N, C-alpha and C. Protein backbone atom coordinates (compact mmCIF):
# COMPACT_ATOMS: atom_id res chain seq x y z
N MET A 1 -116.95 -41.66 -3.86
CA MET A 1 -115.84 -41.18 -3.49
C MET A 1 -115.09 -40.33 -4.72
N ILE A 2 -115.17 -40.89 -6.00
CA ILE A 2 -114.77 -40.06 -7.12
C ILE A 2 -115.37 -38.91 -7.33
N SER A 3 -116.78 -39.07 -7.27
CA SER A 3 -117.75 -38.03 -7.48
C SER A 3 -117.42 -36.79 -6.72
N SER A 4 -116.91 -36.96 -5.46
CA SER A 4 -116.80 -35.90 -4.51
C SER A 4 -115.31 -35.03 -5.10
N LEU A 5 -114.44 -35.75 -5.45
CA LEU A 5 -113.23 -35.24 -6.29
C LEU A 5 -113.60 -34.34 -7.55
N VAL A 6 -114.64 -34.73 -8.43
CA VAL A 6 -114.86 -34.12 -9.62
C VAL A 6 -116.10 -32.99 -9.31
N SER A 7 -116.58 -32.80 -8.18
CA SER A 7 -117.61 -31.96 -7.70
C SER A 7 -117.27 -30.50 -8.17
N PRO A 8 -118.20 -29.72 -8.54
CA PRO A 8 -117.91 -28.34 -8.72
C PRO A 8 -117.40 -27.74 -7.76
N GLN A 9 -117.54 -27.99 -6.31
CA GLN A 9 -117.15 -27.30 -5.16
C GLN A 9 -115.43 -27.37 -4.92
N THR A 10 -115.24 -28.60 -5.13
CA THR A 10 -113.67 -28.93 -4.94
C THR A 10 -112.92 -28.69 -6.19
N SER A 11 -113.39 -28.35 -7.59
CA SER A 11 -112.80 -27.86 -8.61
C SER A 11 -112.48 -26.54 -8.48
N LYS A 12 -113.37 -25.55 -7.80
CA LYS A 12 -112.61 -24.43 -7.76
C LYS A 12 -111.80 -23.92 -6.90
N PRO A 13 -111.53 -24.67 -5.73
CA PRO A 13 -110.52 -24.15 -5.05
C PRO A 13 -109.18 -24.98 -5.49
N GLN A 14 -109.55 -25.92 -6.43
CA GLN A 14 -108.06 -26.65 -6.96
C GLN A 14 -107.46 -25.47 -8.01
N SER A 15 -108.52 -25.30 -8.90
CA SER A 15 -108.16 -24.36 -9.87
C SER A 15 -107.63 -23.13 -9.24
N ILE A 16 -108.00 -22.58 -8.22
CA ILE A 16 -107.50 -21.14 -7.73
C ILE A 16 -106.11 -21.55 -6.77
N ALA A 17 -105.91 -22.84 -6.35
CA ALA A 17 -104.70 -23.08 -5.81
C ALA A 17 -103.74 -23.12 -7.16
N PHE A 18 -104.15 -23.88 -8.19
CA PHE A 18 -103.17 -23.92 -9.42
C PHE A 18 -102.88 -22.67 -9.91
N MET A 19 -103.87 -21.73 -10.01
CA MET A 19 -103.72 -20.42 -10.54
C MET A 19 -102.62 -19.79 -9.67
N THR A 20 -102.72 -19.79 -8.40
CA THR A 20 -101.75 -19.27 -7.56
C THR A 20 -100.26 -19.72 -7.57
N ASP A 21 -100.06 -21.05 -7.70
CA ASP A 21 -98.92 -21.41 -7.92
C ASP A 21 -98.50 -21.20 -9.51
N PHE A 22 -99.18 -21.24 -10.51
CA PHE A 22 -98.77 -20.67 -11.43
C PHE A 22 -98.44 -19.34 -11.47
N GLY A 23 -98.94 -18.51 -10.88
CA GLY A 23 -98.72 -17.09 -10.76
C GLY A 23 -97.16 -16.97 -10.07
N VAL A 24 -97.05 -17.68 -9.19
CA VAL A 24 -95.95 -17.59 -8.35
C VAL A 24 -94.69 -18.18 -9.29
N VAL A 25 -95.10 -19.36 -10.14
CA VAL A 25 -93.94 -19.91 -10.82
C VAL A 25 -93.74 -18.46 -12.00
N LEU A 26 -94.53 -17.97 -12.48
CA LEU A 26 -94.58 -16.94 -13.56
C LEU A 26 -93.46 -15.99 -13.07
N ARG A 27 -94.10 -15.48 -11.78
CA ARG A 27 -93.18 -14.41 -10.89
C ARG A 27 -91.63 -14.71 -10.91
N GLN A 28 -91.33 -16.05 -10.70
CA GLN A 28 -90.01 -16.49 -10.61
C GLN A 28 -89.54 -16.50 -12.00
N LEU A 29 -90.26 -16.75 -12.77
CA LEU A 29 -89.21 -16.86 -14.48
C LEU A 29 -89.52 -15.59 -14.70
N LEU A 30 -90.21 -14.68 -14.44
CA LEU A 30 -90.30 -13.39 -14.95
C LEU A 30 -88.76 -12.53 -14.18
N GLN A 31 -88.56 -12.89 -12.76
CA GLN A 31 -87.18 -12.42 -11.93
C GLN A 31 -86.40 -13.05 -12.68
N GLU A 32 -86.03 -14.29 -12.98
CA GLU A 32 -85.18 -15.11 -13.65
C GLU A 32 -84.64 -14.35 -15.16
N ILE A 33 -85.74 -13.81 -15.76
CA ILE A 33 -85.47 -13.33 -17.17
C ILE A 33 -84.65 -11.86 -16.85
N GLN A 34 -85.30 -11.16 -15.84
CA GLN A 34 -84.97 -9.93 -15.94
C GLN A 34 -83.48 -10.06 -15.03
N ASP A 35 -83.03 -11.15 -14.33
CA ASP A 35 -81.56 -11.26 -13.81
C ASP A 35 -80.71 -11.32 -15.27
N LEU A 36 -81.20 -12.70 -16.01
CA LEU A 36 -80.32 -12.74 -17.35
C LEU A 36 -80.14 -11.59 -18.22
N ASN A 37 -81.34 -10.60 -18.26
CA ASN A 37 -81.05 -9.25 -18.99
C ASN A 37 -79.83 -8.56 -18.31
N ALA A 38 -80.01 -8.38 -17.21
CA ALA A 38 -79.02 -7.67 -16.20
C ALA A 38 -77.81 -8.27 -16.51
N GLU A 39 -77.46 -9.34 -16.66
CA GLU A 39 -76.31 -10.13 -16.41
C GLU A 39 -75.94 -10.06 -17.94
N ASN A 40 -76.51 -10.02 -18.87
CA ASN A 40 -76.48 -9.64 -20.43
C ASN A 40 -75.76 -8.57 -20.58
N ARG A 41 -76.45 -7.58 -19.95
CA ARG A 41 -75.92 -5.98 -19.95
C ARG A 41 -74.49 -5.98 -19.59
N ARG A 42 -74.33 -6.37 -18.48
CA ARG A 42 -73.11 -6.49 -17.84
C ARG A 42 -71.82 -6.87 -18.37
N LEU A 43 -72.19 -8.16 -19.17
CA LEU A 43 -71.23 -8.97 -19.77
C LEU A 43 -71.06 -8.15 -21.12
N ALA A 44 -72.04 -7.41 -21.73
CA ALA A 44 -71.91 -6.76 -22.91
C ALA A 44 -71.01 -5.51 -22.72
N GLU A 45 -71.21 -4.63 -21.55
CA GLU A 45 -70.30 -3.71 -21.09
C GLU A 45 -68.80 -4.12 -20.93
N ARG A 46 -68.77 -5.09 -20.24
CA ARG A 46 -67.24 -5.89 -19.87
C ARG A 46 -66.66 -6.31 -21.38
N LEU A 47 -67.39 -6.89 -22.50
CA LEU A 47 -66.89 -7.16 -23.54
C LEU A 47 -66.33 -5.83 -24.45
N GLU A 48 -67.34 -4.70 -24.02
CA GLU A 48 -66.80 -3.38 -24.92
C GLU A 48 -65.21 -2.89 -24.33
N ASP A 49 -65.45 -3.08 -22.86
CA ASP A 49 -64.06 -2.68 -22.06
C ASP A 49 -63.04 -3.44 -22.66
N LEU A 50 -63.29 -4.75 -22.75
CA LEU A 50 -61.76 -5.57 -23.13
C LEU A 50 -61.61 -5.17 -24.56
N GLU A 51 -62.76 -5.05 -25.54
CA GLU A 51 -62.35 -4.45 -26.59
C GLU A 51 -61.51 -3.45 -26.66
N GLU A 52 -61.88 -2.65 -25.99
CA GLU A 52 -61.06 -1.34 -26.06
C GLU A 52 -59.72 -1.56 -25.33
N LEU A 53 -59.37 -2.40 -24.53
CA LEU A 53 -58.04 -2.58 -23.93
C LEU A 53 -57.38 -3.32 -24.78
N GLN A 54 -57.89 -4.12 -26.06
CA GLN A 54 -57.39 -4.92 -26.84
C GLN A 54 -57.05 -4.10 -27.92
N GLU A 55 -57.66 -2.91 -28.45
CA GLU A 55 -56.97 -2.11 -29.16
C GLU A 55 -56.09 -1.30 -28.68
N VAL A 56 -55.77 -0.77 -27.25
CA VAL A 56 -55.18 -0.20 -26.48
C VAL A 56 -53.63 -1.23 -26.75
N TYR A 57 -53.56 -2.38 -26.32
CA TYR A 57 -52.30 -3.44 -26.50
C TYR A 57 -51.90 -3.86 -27.70
N HIS A 58 -53.22 -3.88 -28.52
CA HIS A 58 -52.71 -4.66 -29.92
C HIS A 58 -53.32 -4.01 -30.92
N GLY A 59 -53.51 -2.95 -31.07
CA GLY A 59 -54.03 -1.94 -32.13
C GLY A 59 -55.57 -2.33 -32.27
N PRO A 60 -56.04 -1.67 -33.60
CA PRO A 60 -57.28 -1.40 -33.83
C PRO A 60 -58.00 -3.19 -34.23
N ILE A 61 -58.98 -3.53 -34.02
CA ILE A 61 -59.62 -4.87 -34.74
C ILE A 61 -59.41 -4.74 -36.30
N PRO A 62 -58.93 -5.71 -37.02
CA PRO A 62 -58.86 -5.44 -38.21
C PRO A 62 -60.20 -5.40 -39.14
N ALA A 63 -60.24 -4.76 -40.32
CA ALA A 63 -61.63 -4.76 -40.93
C ALA A 63 -61.71 -6.13 -41.52
N MET A 64 -63.12 -6.34 -41.79
CA MET A 64 -63.39 -7.69 -42.39
C MET A 64 -62.57 -8.00 -43.65
N GLY A 65 -62.39 -7.02 -44.60
CA GLY A 65 -61.53 -7.59 -45.65
C GLY A 65 -59.99 -7.92 -45.37
N ASP A 66 -59.43 -7.79 -44.19
CA ASP A 66 -57.97 -8.19 -43.75
C ASP A 66 -58.34 -9.60 -43.02
N ARG A 67 -59.41 -10.01 -42.67
CA ARG A 67 -59.55 -11.07 -42.12
C ARG A 67 -58.86 -12.40 -42.81
N PRO A 68 -59.44 -12.56 -43.95
CA PRO A 68 -58.78 -13.93 -44.73
C PRO A 68 -57.31 -13.71 -44.83
N ALA A 69 -56.56 -12.65 -44.88
CA ALA A 69 -55.28 -12.67 -44.82
C ALA A 69 -54.77 -13.14 -43.37
N LEU A 70 -55.43 -12.47 -42.27
CA LEU A 70 -55.14 -13.10 -40.95
C LEU A 70 -55.54 -14.43 -41.05
N LYS A 71 -56.33 -15.12 -41.51
CA LYS A 71 -56.47 -16.72 -41.41
C LYS A 71 -55.18 -17.33 -41.81
N GLU A 72 -54.92 -16.68 -43.00
CA GLU A 72 -53.53 -17.34 -43.58
C GLU A 72 -52.46 -17.27 -42.53
N ALA A 73 -52.03 -16.12 -42.14
CA ALA A 73 -51.28 -15.69 -41.14
C ALA A 73 -51.33 -16.68 -39.93
N PHE A 74 -52.32 -17.11 -39.42
CA PHE A 74 -52.64 -18.00 -38.40
C PHE A 74 -52.28 -19.45 -38.89
N ALA A 75 -52.85 -19.85 -39.79
CA ALA A 75 -52.75 -20.69 -40.40
C ALA A 75 -51.07 -21.55 -40.55
N ARG A 76 -50.39 -20.36 -40.83
CA ARG A 76 -48.87 -20.39 -41.33
C ARG A 76 -48.31 -20.62 -39.69
N GLN A 77 -48.74 -19.75 -38.73
CA GLN A 77 -48.16 -19.79 -37.43
C GLN A 77 -48.43 -21.02 -36.92
N ARG A 78 -49.90 -21.87 -37.19
CA ARG A 78 -50.01 -23.05 -36.58
C ARG A 78 -49.29 -23.99 -37.19
N GLU A 79 -49.04 -24.06 -38.48
CA GLU A 79 -47.84 -25.09 -38.86
C GLU A 79 -46.54 -24.78 -38.45
N ALA A 80 -45.89 -23.75 -38.19
CA ALA A 80 -44.77 -23.41 -37.72
C ALA A 80 -44.60 -23.84 -36.13
N LEU A 81 -45.82 -23.63 -35.61
CA LEU A 81 -45.60 -23.94 -34.00
C LEU A 81 -46.00 -25.47 -33.78
N SER A 82 -46.53 -26.38 -34.80
CA SER A 82 -46.79 -27.70 -34.78
C SER A 82 -45.38 -28.40 -34.42
N GLY A 83 -44.40 -28.08 -35.29
CA GLY A 83 -43.38 -28.75 -35.04
C GLY A 83 -42.24 -27.99 -33.92
N LEU A 84 -42.62 -27.22 -33.20
CA LEU A 84 -41.94 -26.47 -32.48
C LEU A 84 -41.76 -27.34 -31.01
N PRO A 85 -42.64 -28.27 -30.58
CA PRO A 85 -42.36 -28.80 -29.45
C PRO A 85 -41.29 -30.15 -29.86
N CYS A 86 -41.32 -30.60 -30.99
CA CYS A 86 -39.81 -31.29 -31.21
C CYS A 86 -39.08 -30.75 -31.35
N ARG A 87 -38.67 -29.61 -31.68
CA ARG A 87 -37.62 -28.60 -31.87
C ARG A 87 -37.03 -28.28 -30.05
N VAL A 88 -38.12 -27.92 -29.42
CA VAL A 88 -37.89 -27.70 -27.86
C VAL A 88 -37.47 -28.58 -27.00
N PHE A 89 -38.03 -29.75 -27.37
CA PHE A 89 -37.37 -30.56 -26.88
C PHE A 89 -36.12 -31.21 -27.11
N GLU A 90 -35.85 -31.10 -28.50
CA GLU A 90 -34.30 -31.28 -28.86
C GLU A 90 -33.31 -30.45 -28.27
N LEU A 91 -33.81 -29.05 -28.15
CA LEU A 91 -32.97 -28.07 -27.45
C LEU A 91 -32.67 -28.43 -26.16
N GLY A 92 -33.68 -28.56 -25.36
CA GLY A 92 -33.76 -29.15 -23.92
C GLY A 92 -32.65 -30.52 -23.94
N GLN A 93 -32.52 -31.62 -24.53
CA GLN A 93 -31.77 -32.44 -24.32
C GLN A 93 -30.49 -31.88 -24.90
N ASN A 94 -30.16 -31.01 -25.83
CA ASN A 94 -28.89 -30.70 -26.12
C ASN A 94 -28.36 -29.85 -24.88
N LEU A 95 -29.16 -28.82 -24.50
CA LEU A 95 -28.98 -28.12 -23.09
C LEU A 95 -28.59 -29.09 -21.98
N HIS A 96 -28.97 -30.01 -21.74
CA HIS A 96 -29.10 -31.18 -20.61
C HIS A 96 -27.33 -31.70 -20.87
N LEU A 97 -27.24 -32.48 -22.07
CA LEU A 97 -25.90 -32.80 -22.58
C LEU A 97 -24.58 -31.81 -22.28
N LEU A 98 -25.11 -30.50 -22.74
CA LEU A 98 -23.90 -29.70 -22.59
C LEU A 98 -23.78 -29.28 -20.73
N GLU A 99 -24.98 -29.46 -20.06
CA GLU A 99 -24.60 -28.94 -18.78
C GLU A 99 -24.24 -30.30 -17.84
N GLN A 100 -24.11 -31.54 -18.49
CA GLN A 100 -23.38 -32.82 -18.14
C GLN A 100 -21.86 -32.41 -18.47
N ARG A 101 -21.50 -32.04 -19.92
CA ARG A 101 -20.31 -31.93 -20.18
C ARG A 101 -19.63 -31.06 -19.29
N PHE A 102 -20.43 -29.78 -19.00
CA PHE A 102 -19.76 -28.65 -18.02
C PHE A 102 -19.50 -29.13 -16.86
N SER A 103 -20.30 -29.73 -16.45
CA SER A 103 -20.07 -30.23 -14.80
C SER A 103 -18.95 -31.16 -14.54
N ALA A 104 -18.85 -32.21 -15.78
CA ALA A 104 -17.72 -33.05 -15.61
C ALA A 104 -16.57 -32.17 -15.69
N ARG A 105 -16.68 -31.31 -16.53
CA ARG A 105 -15.00 -30.52 -16.65
C ARG A 105 -14.74 -30.01 -15.51
N GLU A 106 -15.70 -29.29 -14.75
CA GLU A 106 -15.51 -28.47 -13.59
C GLU A 106 -15.12 -29.49 -12.52
N GLU A 107 -16.00 -30.95 -12.58
CA GLU A 107 -15.33 -31.70 -11.65
C GLU A 107 -13.81 -31.86 -11.89
N ASN A 108 -13.65 -32.12 -12.93
CA ASN A 108 -12.00 -32.44 -13.44
C ASN A 108 -11.10 -31.19 -12.90
N ALA A 109 -11.69 -30.05 -13.19
CA ALA A 109 -10.51 -28.95 -13.25
C ALA A 109 -10.63 -28.56 -11.43
N SER A 110 -11.77 -28.86 -10.84
CA SER A 110 -11.50 -28.86 -9.44
C SER A 110 -10.97 -29.47 -8.65
N LYS A 111 -10.47 -30.67 -9.14
CA LYS A 111 -9.45 -31.64 -8.53
C LYS A 111 -7.87 -30.61 -8.23
N SER A 112 -7.74 -29.95 -7.12
CA SER A 112 -6.51 -29.30 -7.07
C SER A 112 -5.26 -30.34 -7.01
N ASN A 113 -4.26 -29.97 -7.15
CA ASN A 113 -2.94 -30.60 -6.83
C ASN A 113 -2.61 -30.27 -5.59
N GLY A 114 -1.76 -31.33 -4.76
CA GLY A 114 -1.23 -30.77 -3.31
C GLY A 114 -0.01 -29.88 -3.78
N LYS A 115 0.53 -29.35 -2.40
CA LYS A 115 1.66 -29.04 -2.41
C LYS A 115 3.07 -29.90 -3.02
N LYS A 116 3.14 -31.28 -2.61
CA LYS A 116 4.00 -32.02 -3.04
C LYS A 116 3.83 -32.25 -4.73
N THR A 117 2.45 -32.04 -4.94
CA THR A 117 2.67 -32.52 -6.74
C THR A 117 2.94 -31.19 -7.38
N VAL A 118 2.39 -29.86 -6.63
CA VAL A 118 2.91 -28.79 -7.46
C VAL A 118 4.19 -28.66 -7.58
N HIS A 119 4.84 -28.81 -6.54
CA HIS A 119 6.52 -28.86 -6.53
C HIS A 119 7.10 -29.85 -7.38
N ARG A 120 6.45 -31.15 -7.65
CA ARG A 120 7.18 -32.01 -8.72
C ARG A 120 6.83 -31.86 -9.83
N ILE A 121 5.73 -30.89 -10.09
CA ILE A 121 5.63 -30.56 -11.55
C ILE A 121 6.45 -29.30 -11.79
N GLU A 122 6.96 -28.40 -11.01
CA GLU A 122 7.76 -27.23 -11.18
C GLU A 122 9.07 -27.94 -11.20
N LYS A 123 9.66 -29.11 -10.73
CA LYS A 123 11.04 -29.56 -10.87
C LYS A 123 10.96 -30.30 -12.04
N LEU A 124 9.51 -30.86 -12.64
CA LEU A 124 9.64 -31.50 -13.87
C LEU A 124 10.07 -30.66 -15.14
N LYS A 125 9.16 -29.52 -14.81
CA LYS A 125 9.48 -28.22 -15.94
C LYS A 125 10.77 -28.05 -15.64
N ALA A 126 11.37 -27.78 -14.63
CA ALA A 126 12.82 -27.11 -14.78
C ALA A 126 13.61 -28.55 -15.17
N LEU A 127 13.64 -29.69 -15.12
CA LEU A 127 14.24 -31.05 -15.95
C LEU A 127 14.08 -30.99 -17.38
N LEU A 128 12.92 -30.70 -17.77
CA LEU A 128 12.35 -30.77 -19.04
C LEU A 128 13.08 -29.47 -19.65
N LYS A 129 13.04 -28.25 -19.47
CA LYS A 129 14.11 -27.31 -19.90
C LYS A 129 15.34 -27.68 -19.64
N SER A 130 16.04 -27.90 -19.14
CA SER A 130 17.32 -28.60 -18.92
C SER A 130 18.00 -29.55 -20.05
N TYR A 131 16.77 -30.52 -20.11
CA TYR A 131 17.05 -31.63 -21.46
C TYR A 131 16.74 -31.10 -22.65
N GLY A 132 16.09 -29.92 -23.18
CA GLY A 132 16.02 -29.24 -24.24
C GLY A 132 14.60 -29.32 -24.57
N GLY A 133 13.51 -29.82 -23.61
CA GLY A 133 12.18 -29.70 -23.89
C GLY A 133 11.62 -31.23 -23.58
N SER A 134 12.38 -32.35 -23.72
CA SER A 134 11.74 -33.63 -23.85
C SER A 134 12.65 -34.53 -23.06
N GLN A 135 12.23 -35.50 -22.43
CA GLN A 135 13.01 -36.34 -21.84
C GLN A 135 12.06 -37.81 -22.06
N SER A 136 12.88 -38.70 -21.59
CA SER A 136 12.04 -40.48 -21.70
C SER A 136 11.25 -40.25 -20.09
N PHE A 137 10.42 -41.14 -19.96
CA PHE A 137 9.76 -41.45 -18.44
C PHE A 137 11.07 -41.92 -17.79
N LYS A 138 11.40 -42.81 -18.15
CA LYS A 138 12.40 -43.60 -17.20
C LYS A 138 13.79 -42.64 -16.69
N GLN A 139 14.28 -41.81 -17.42
CA GLN A 139 15.14 -40.79 -17.10
C GLN A 139 14.58 -39.78 -16.10
N LEU A 140 13.43 -39.40 -16.57
CA LEU A 140 12.70 -38.41 -15.47
C LEU A 140 12.34 -39.03 -14.19
N GLN A 141 11.64 -40.04 -14.02
CA GLN A 141 11.40 -40.81 -13.10
C GLN A 141 12.59 -40.86 -12.24
N ASP A 142 13.67 -41.40 -12.73
CA ASP A 142 15.06 -41.71 -11.87
C ASP A 142 15.38 -40.25 -11.39
N ASP A 143 15.43 -39.42 -12.18
CA ASP A 143 15.54 -37.75 -11.43
C ASP A 143 14.99 -37.23 -10.50
N LEU A 144 13.59 -37.62 -10.62
CA LEU A 144 12.71 -37.07 -9.66
C LEU A 144 12.69 -38.13 -8.34
N ASP A 145 13.40 -39.21 -8.42
CA ASP A 145 13.54 -40.35 -7.35
C ASP A 145 12.00 -40.72 -7.03
N LEU A 146 11.04 -41.08 -8.08
CA LEU A 146 9.81 -41.40 -7.81
C LEU A 146 9.46 -43.01 -8.36
N SER A 147 8.60 -43.95 -7.84
CA SER A 147 8.36 -45.23 -7.96
C SER A 147 7.68 -44.81 -9.58
N PRO A 148 7.39 -45.83 -10.47
CA PRO A 148 6.73 -45.88 -11.53
C PRO A 148 5.29 -45.64 -11.24
N ALA A 149 4.63 -46.04 -10.22
CA ALA A 149 3.21 -45.52 -9.85
C ALA A 149 3.17 -44.03 -9.74
N GLN A 150 4.12 -43.77 -9.00
CA GLN A 150 4.07 -42.27 -8.60
C GLN A 150 4.40 -41.39 -9.85
N PHE A 151 5.38 -41.98 -10.55
CA PHE A 151 5.51 -40.99 -11.84
C PHE A 151 4.24 -40.94 -12.61
N THR A 152 3.37 -42.12 -12.70
CA THR A 152 2.26 -42.04 -13.80
C THR A 152 1.37 -41.38 -12.91
N ARG A 153 1.17 -41.18 -11.80
CA ARG A 153 0.23 -40.39 -11.16
C ARG A 153 0.40 -38.67 -11.27
N LEU A 154 1.82 -38.47 -11.42
CA LEU A 154 2.03 -37.17 -11.55
C LEU A 154 2.06 -36.68 -12.98
N VAL A 155 2.09 -37.62 -14.02
CA VAL A 155 2.01 -37.48 -15.44
C VAL A 155 0.20 -37.36 -15.79
N GLY A 156 -0.28 -38.06 -15.04
CA GLY A 156 -1.46 -37.93 -15.16
C GLY A 156 -2.27 -36.69 -14.61
N SER A 157 -1.61 -35.88 -13.52
CA SER A 157 -2.18 -34.74 -13.36
C SER A 157 -1.68 -33.59 -13.96
N LEU A 158 -0.64 -33.65 -15.12
CA LEU A 158 -0.10 -32.72 -15.53
C LEU A 158 -1.36 -32.12 -16.63
N ASP A 159 -0.99 -30.64 -16.75
CA ASP A 159 -1.99 -29.93 -17.65
C ASP A 159 -1.60 -30.26 -19.15
N LYS A 160 -2.41 -30.80 -19.94
CA LYS A 160 -2.30 -31.61 -21.08
C LYS A 160 -1.99 -30.33 -22.11
N ARG A 161 -2.25 -28.89 -21.78
CA ARG A 161 -2.00 -27.98 -22.76
C ARG A 161 -0.56 -27.41 -22.81
N SER A 162 -0.03 -27.79 -21.69
CA SER A 162 1.57 -27.71 -21.61
C SER A 162 2.40 -29.14 -21.82
N PHE A 163 1.98 -30.14 -21.56
CA PHE A 163 2.74 -31.37 -21.47
C PHE A 163 2.29 -32.20 -22.79
N GLU A 164 2.98 -32.99 -23.22
CA GLU A 164 2.52 -33.86 -24.24
C GLU A 164 3.14 -35.21 -24.16
N VAL A 165 2.69 -36.32 -24.11
CA VAL A 165 3.35 -37.45 -24.08
C VAL A 165 3.34 -38.30 -25.27
N LYS A 166 4.41 -38.80 -25.53
CA LYS A 166 4.61 -39.40 -27.12
C LYS A 166 5.56 -40.76 -26.88
N ARG A 167 5.40 -41.72 -28.02
CA ARG A 167 6.06 -42.75 -28.13
C ARG A 167 7.33 -42.47 -28.71
N ARG A 168 8.51 -42.79 -28.29
CA ARG A 168 10.18 -42.31 -29.07
C ARG A 168 10.08 -43.47 -30.13
N PRO A 169 9.88 -42.90 -31.34
CA PRO A 169 10.25 -43.76 -32.56
C PRO A 169 11.52 -44.41 -32.60
N GLY A 170 11.67 -45.82 -32.73
CA GLY A 170 12.89 -46.67 -33.14
C GLY A 170 13.63 -46.89 -32.12
N ALA A 171 12.92 -46.43 -30.83
CA ALA A 171 13.65 -46.65 -29.57
C ALA A 171 13.23 -48.22 -29.05
N LYS A 172 13.27 -48.42 -27.65
CA LYS A 172 13.00 -49.43 -26.99
C LYS A 172 11.45 -49.58 -27.33
N ARG A 173 10.99 -50.94 -27.35
CA ARG A 173 9.27 -51.08 -27.44
C ARG A 173 8.83 -50.59 -26.07
N GLY A 174 8.08 -49.45 -26.38
CA GLY A 174 6.97 -48.79 -25.45
C GLY A 174 7.47 -47.67 -24.61
N GLU A 175 8.83 -47.40 -25.19
CA GLU A 175 9.52 -46.27 -24.50
C GLU A 175 8.78 -44.99 -24.73
N LYS A 176 8.20 -44.36 -23.81
CA LYS A 176 7.61 -42.97 -23.59
C LYS A 176 8.39 -41.70 -23.32
N VAL A 177 8.02 -40.79 -23.92
CA VAL A 177 8.79 -39.33 -23.75
C VAL A 177 7.64 -38.18 -23.26
N LEU A 178 8.03 -37.56 -22.45
CA LEU A 178 7.57 -36.49 -22.00
C LEU A 178 7.79 -35.18 -22.60
N SER A 179 7.09 -34.14 -23.16
CA SER A 179 7.76 -33.14 -23.77
C SER A 179 6.80 -31.83 -23.38
N LEU A 180 7.63 -30.74 -23.42
CA LEU A 180 6.61 -29.70 -23.11
C LEU A 180 6.30 -29.16 -24.61
N LYS A 181 4.91 -29.12 -24.62
CA LYS A 181 4.01 -28.73 -25.77
C LYS A 181 4.60 -27.19 -26.48
N VAL A 182 4.30 -26.35 -25.49
CA VAL A 182 4.71 -25.11 -25.72
C VAL A 182 5.87 -24.69 -24.85
N ARG A 183 6.67 -24.00 -25.32
CA ARG A 183 8.02 -23.51 -24.70
C ARG A 183 7.35 -22.40 -23.84
N ILE A 184 7.73 -22.23 -22.74
CA ILE A 184 7.54 -21.49 -21.46
C ILE A 184 8.40 -20.26 -21.86
N ALA A 185 7.55 -19.05 -21.99
CA ALA A 185 8.36 -17.85 -22.49
C ALA A 185 8.63 -17.35 -20.90
N GLU A 186 9.91 -17.63 -20.48
CA GLU A 186 10.32 -17.08 -19.46
C GLU A 186 11.54 -16.40 -19.47
N PRO A 187 11.99 -15.36 -18.78
CA PRO A 187 13.30 -14.69 -19.21
C PRO A 187 14.47 -15.62 -18.76
N LEU A 188 15.46 -15.65 -19.42
CA LEU A 188 16.55 -16.60 -18.96
C LEU A 188 17.45 -15.69 -18.18
N ASN A 189 17.88 -16.20 -16.86
CA ASN A 189 18.45 -15.86 -16.03
C ASN A 189 20.00 -15.99 -16.38
N VAL A 190 20.55 -14.93 -16.95
CA VAL A 190 22.07 -15.27 -17.33
C VAL A 190 23.00 -14.36 -16.11
N HIS A 191 23.79 -15.14 -15.37
CA HIS A 191 24.66 -14.38 -14.56
C HIS A 191 26.13 -14.35 -14.97
């Protein structure tokens, strides 16, 4: 049985089959090489097109003598950019804090006073003008006929740019005085 595999009659058809398979493989390899060469040419053309675009958008490619200077410039740029994430993060945190503060101020400013409160504030301004710009809490509370809680709520709703709360020196313990910070420039109605 072994002798039949080695016999000259069977070796000739096997070698022809091997040669045929080898020829097919060689043709396939040759086709792949041609395809790769065509791809290489296409990529080379694409690279030339991109280099032309690069020159249009960024100027000519630097000469070989300029390249060390460019390496130094890129190194400096990398050093500057290495600290950039920390600074960007810090700026982001600062921006977030500012946004929070701004929204908190908007919330406080958006609380509008009711008609009754606005009327009481106008009456309070008139009383303070008539008293010369300042008066004790107790006197103003009696003049406006308000309870202590109502008067405290009214003082809390006052514009702090125009009104000021102080303690009266040398008076009763804890006596507070409400005064106008800025004299309101309204014309006097003299009749």
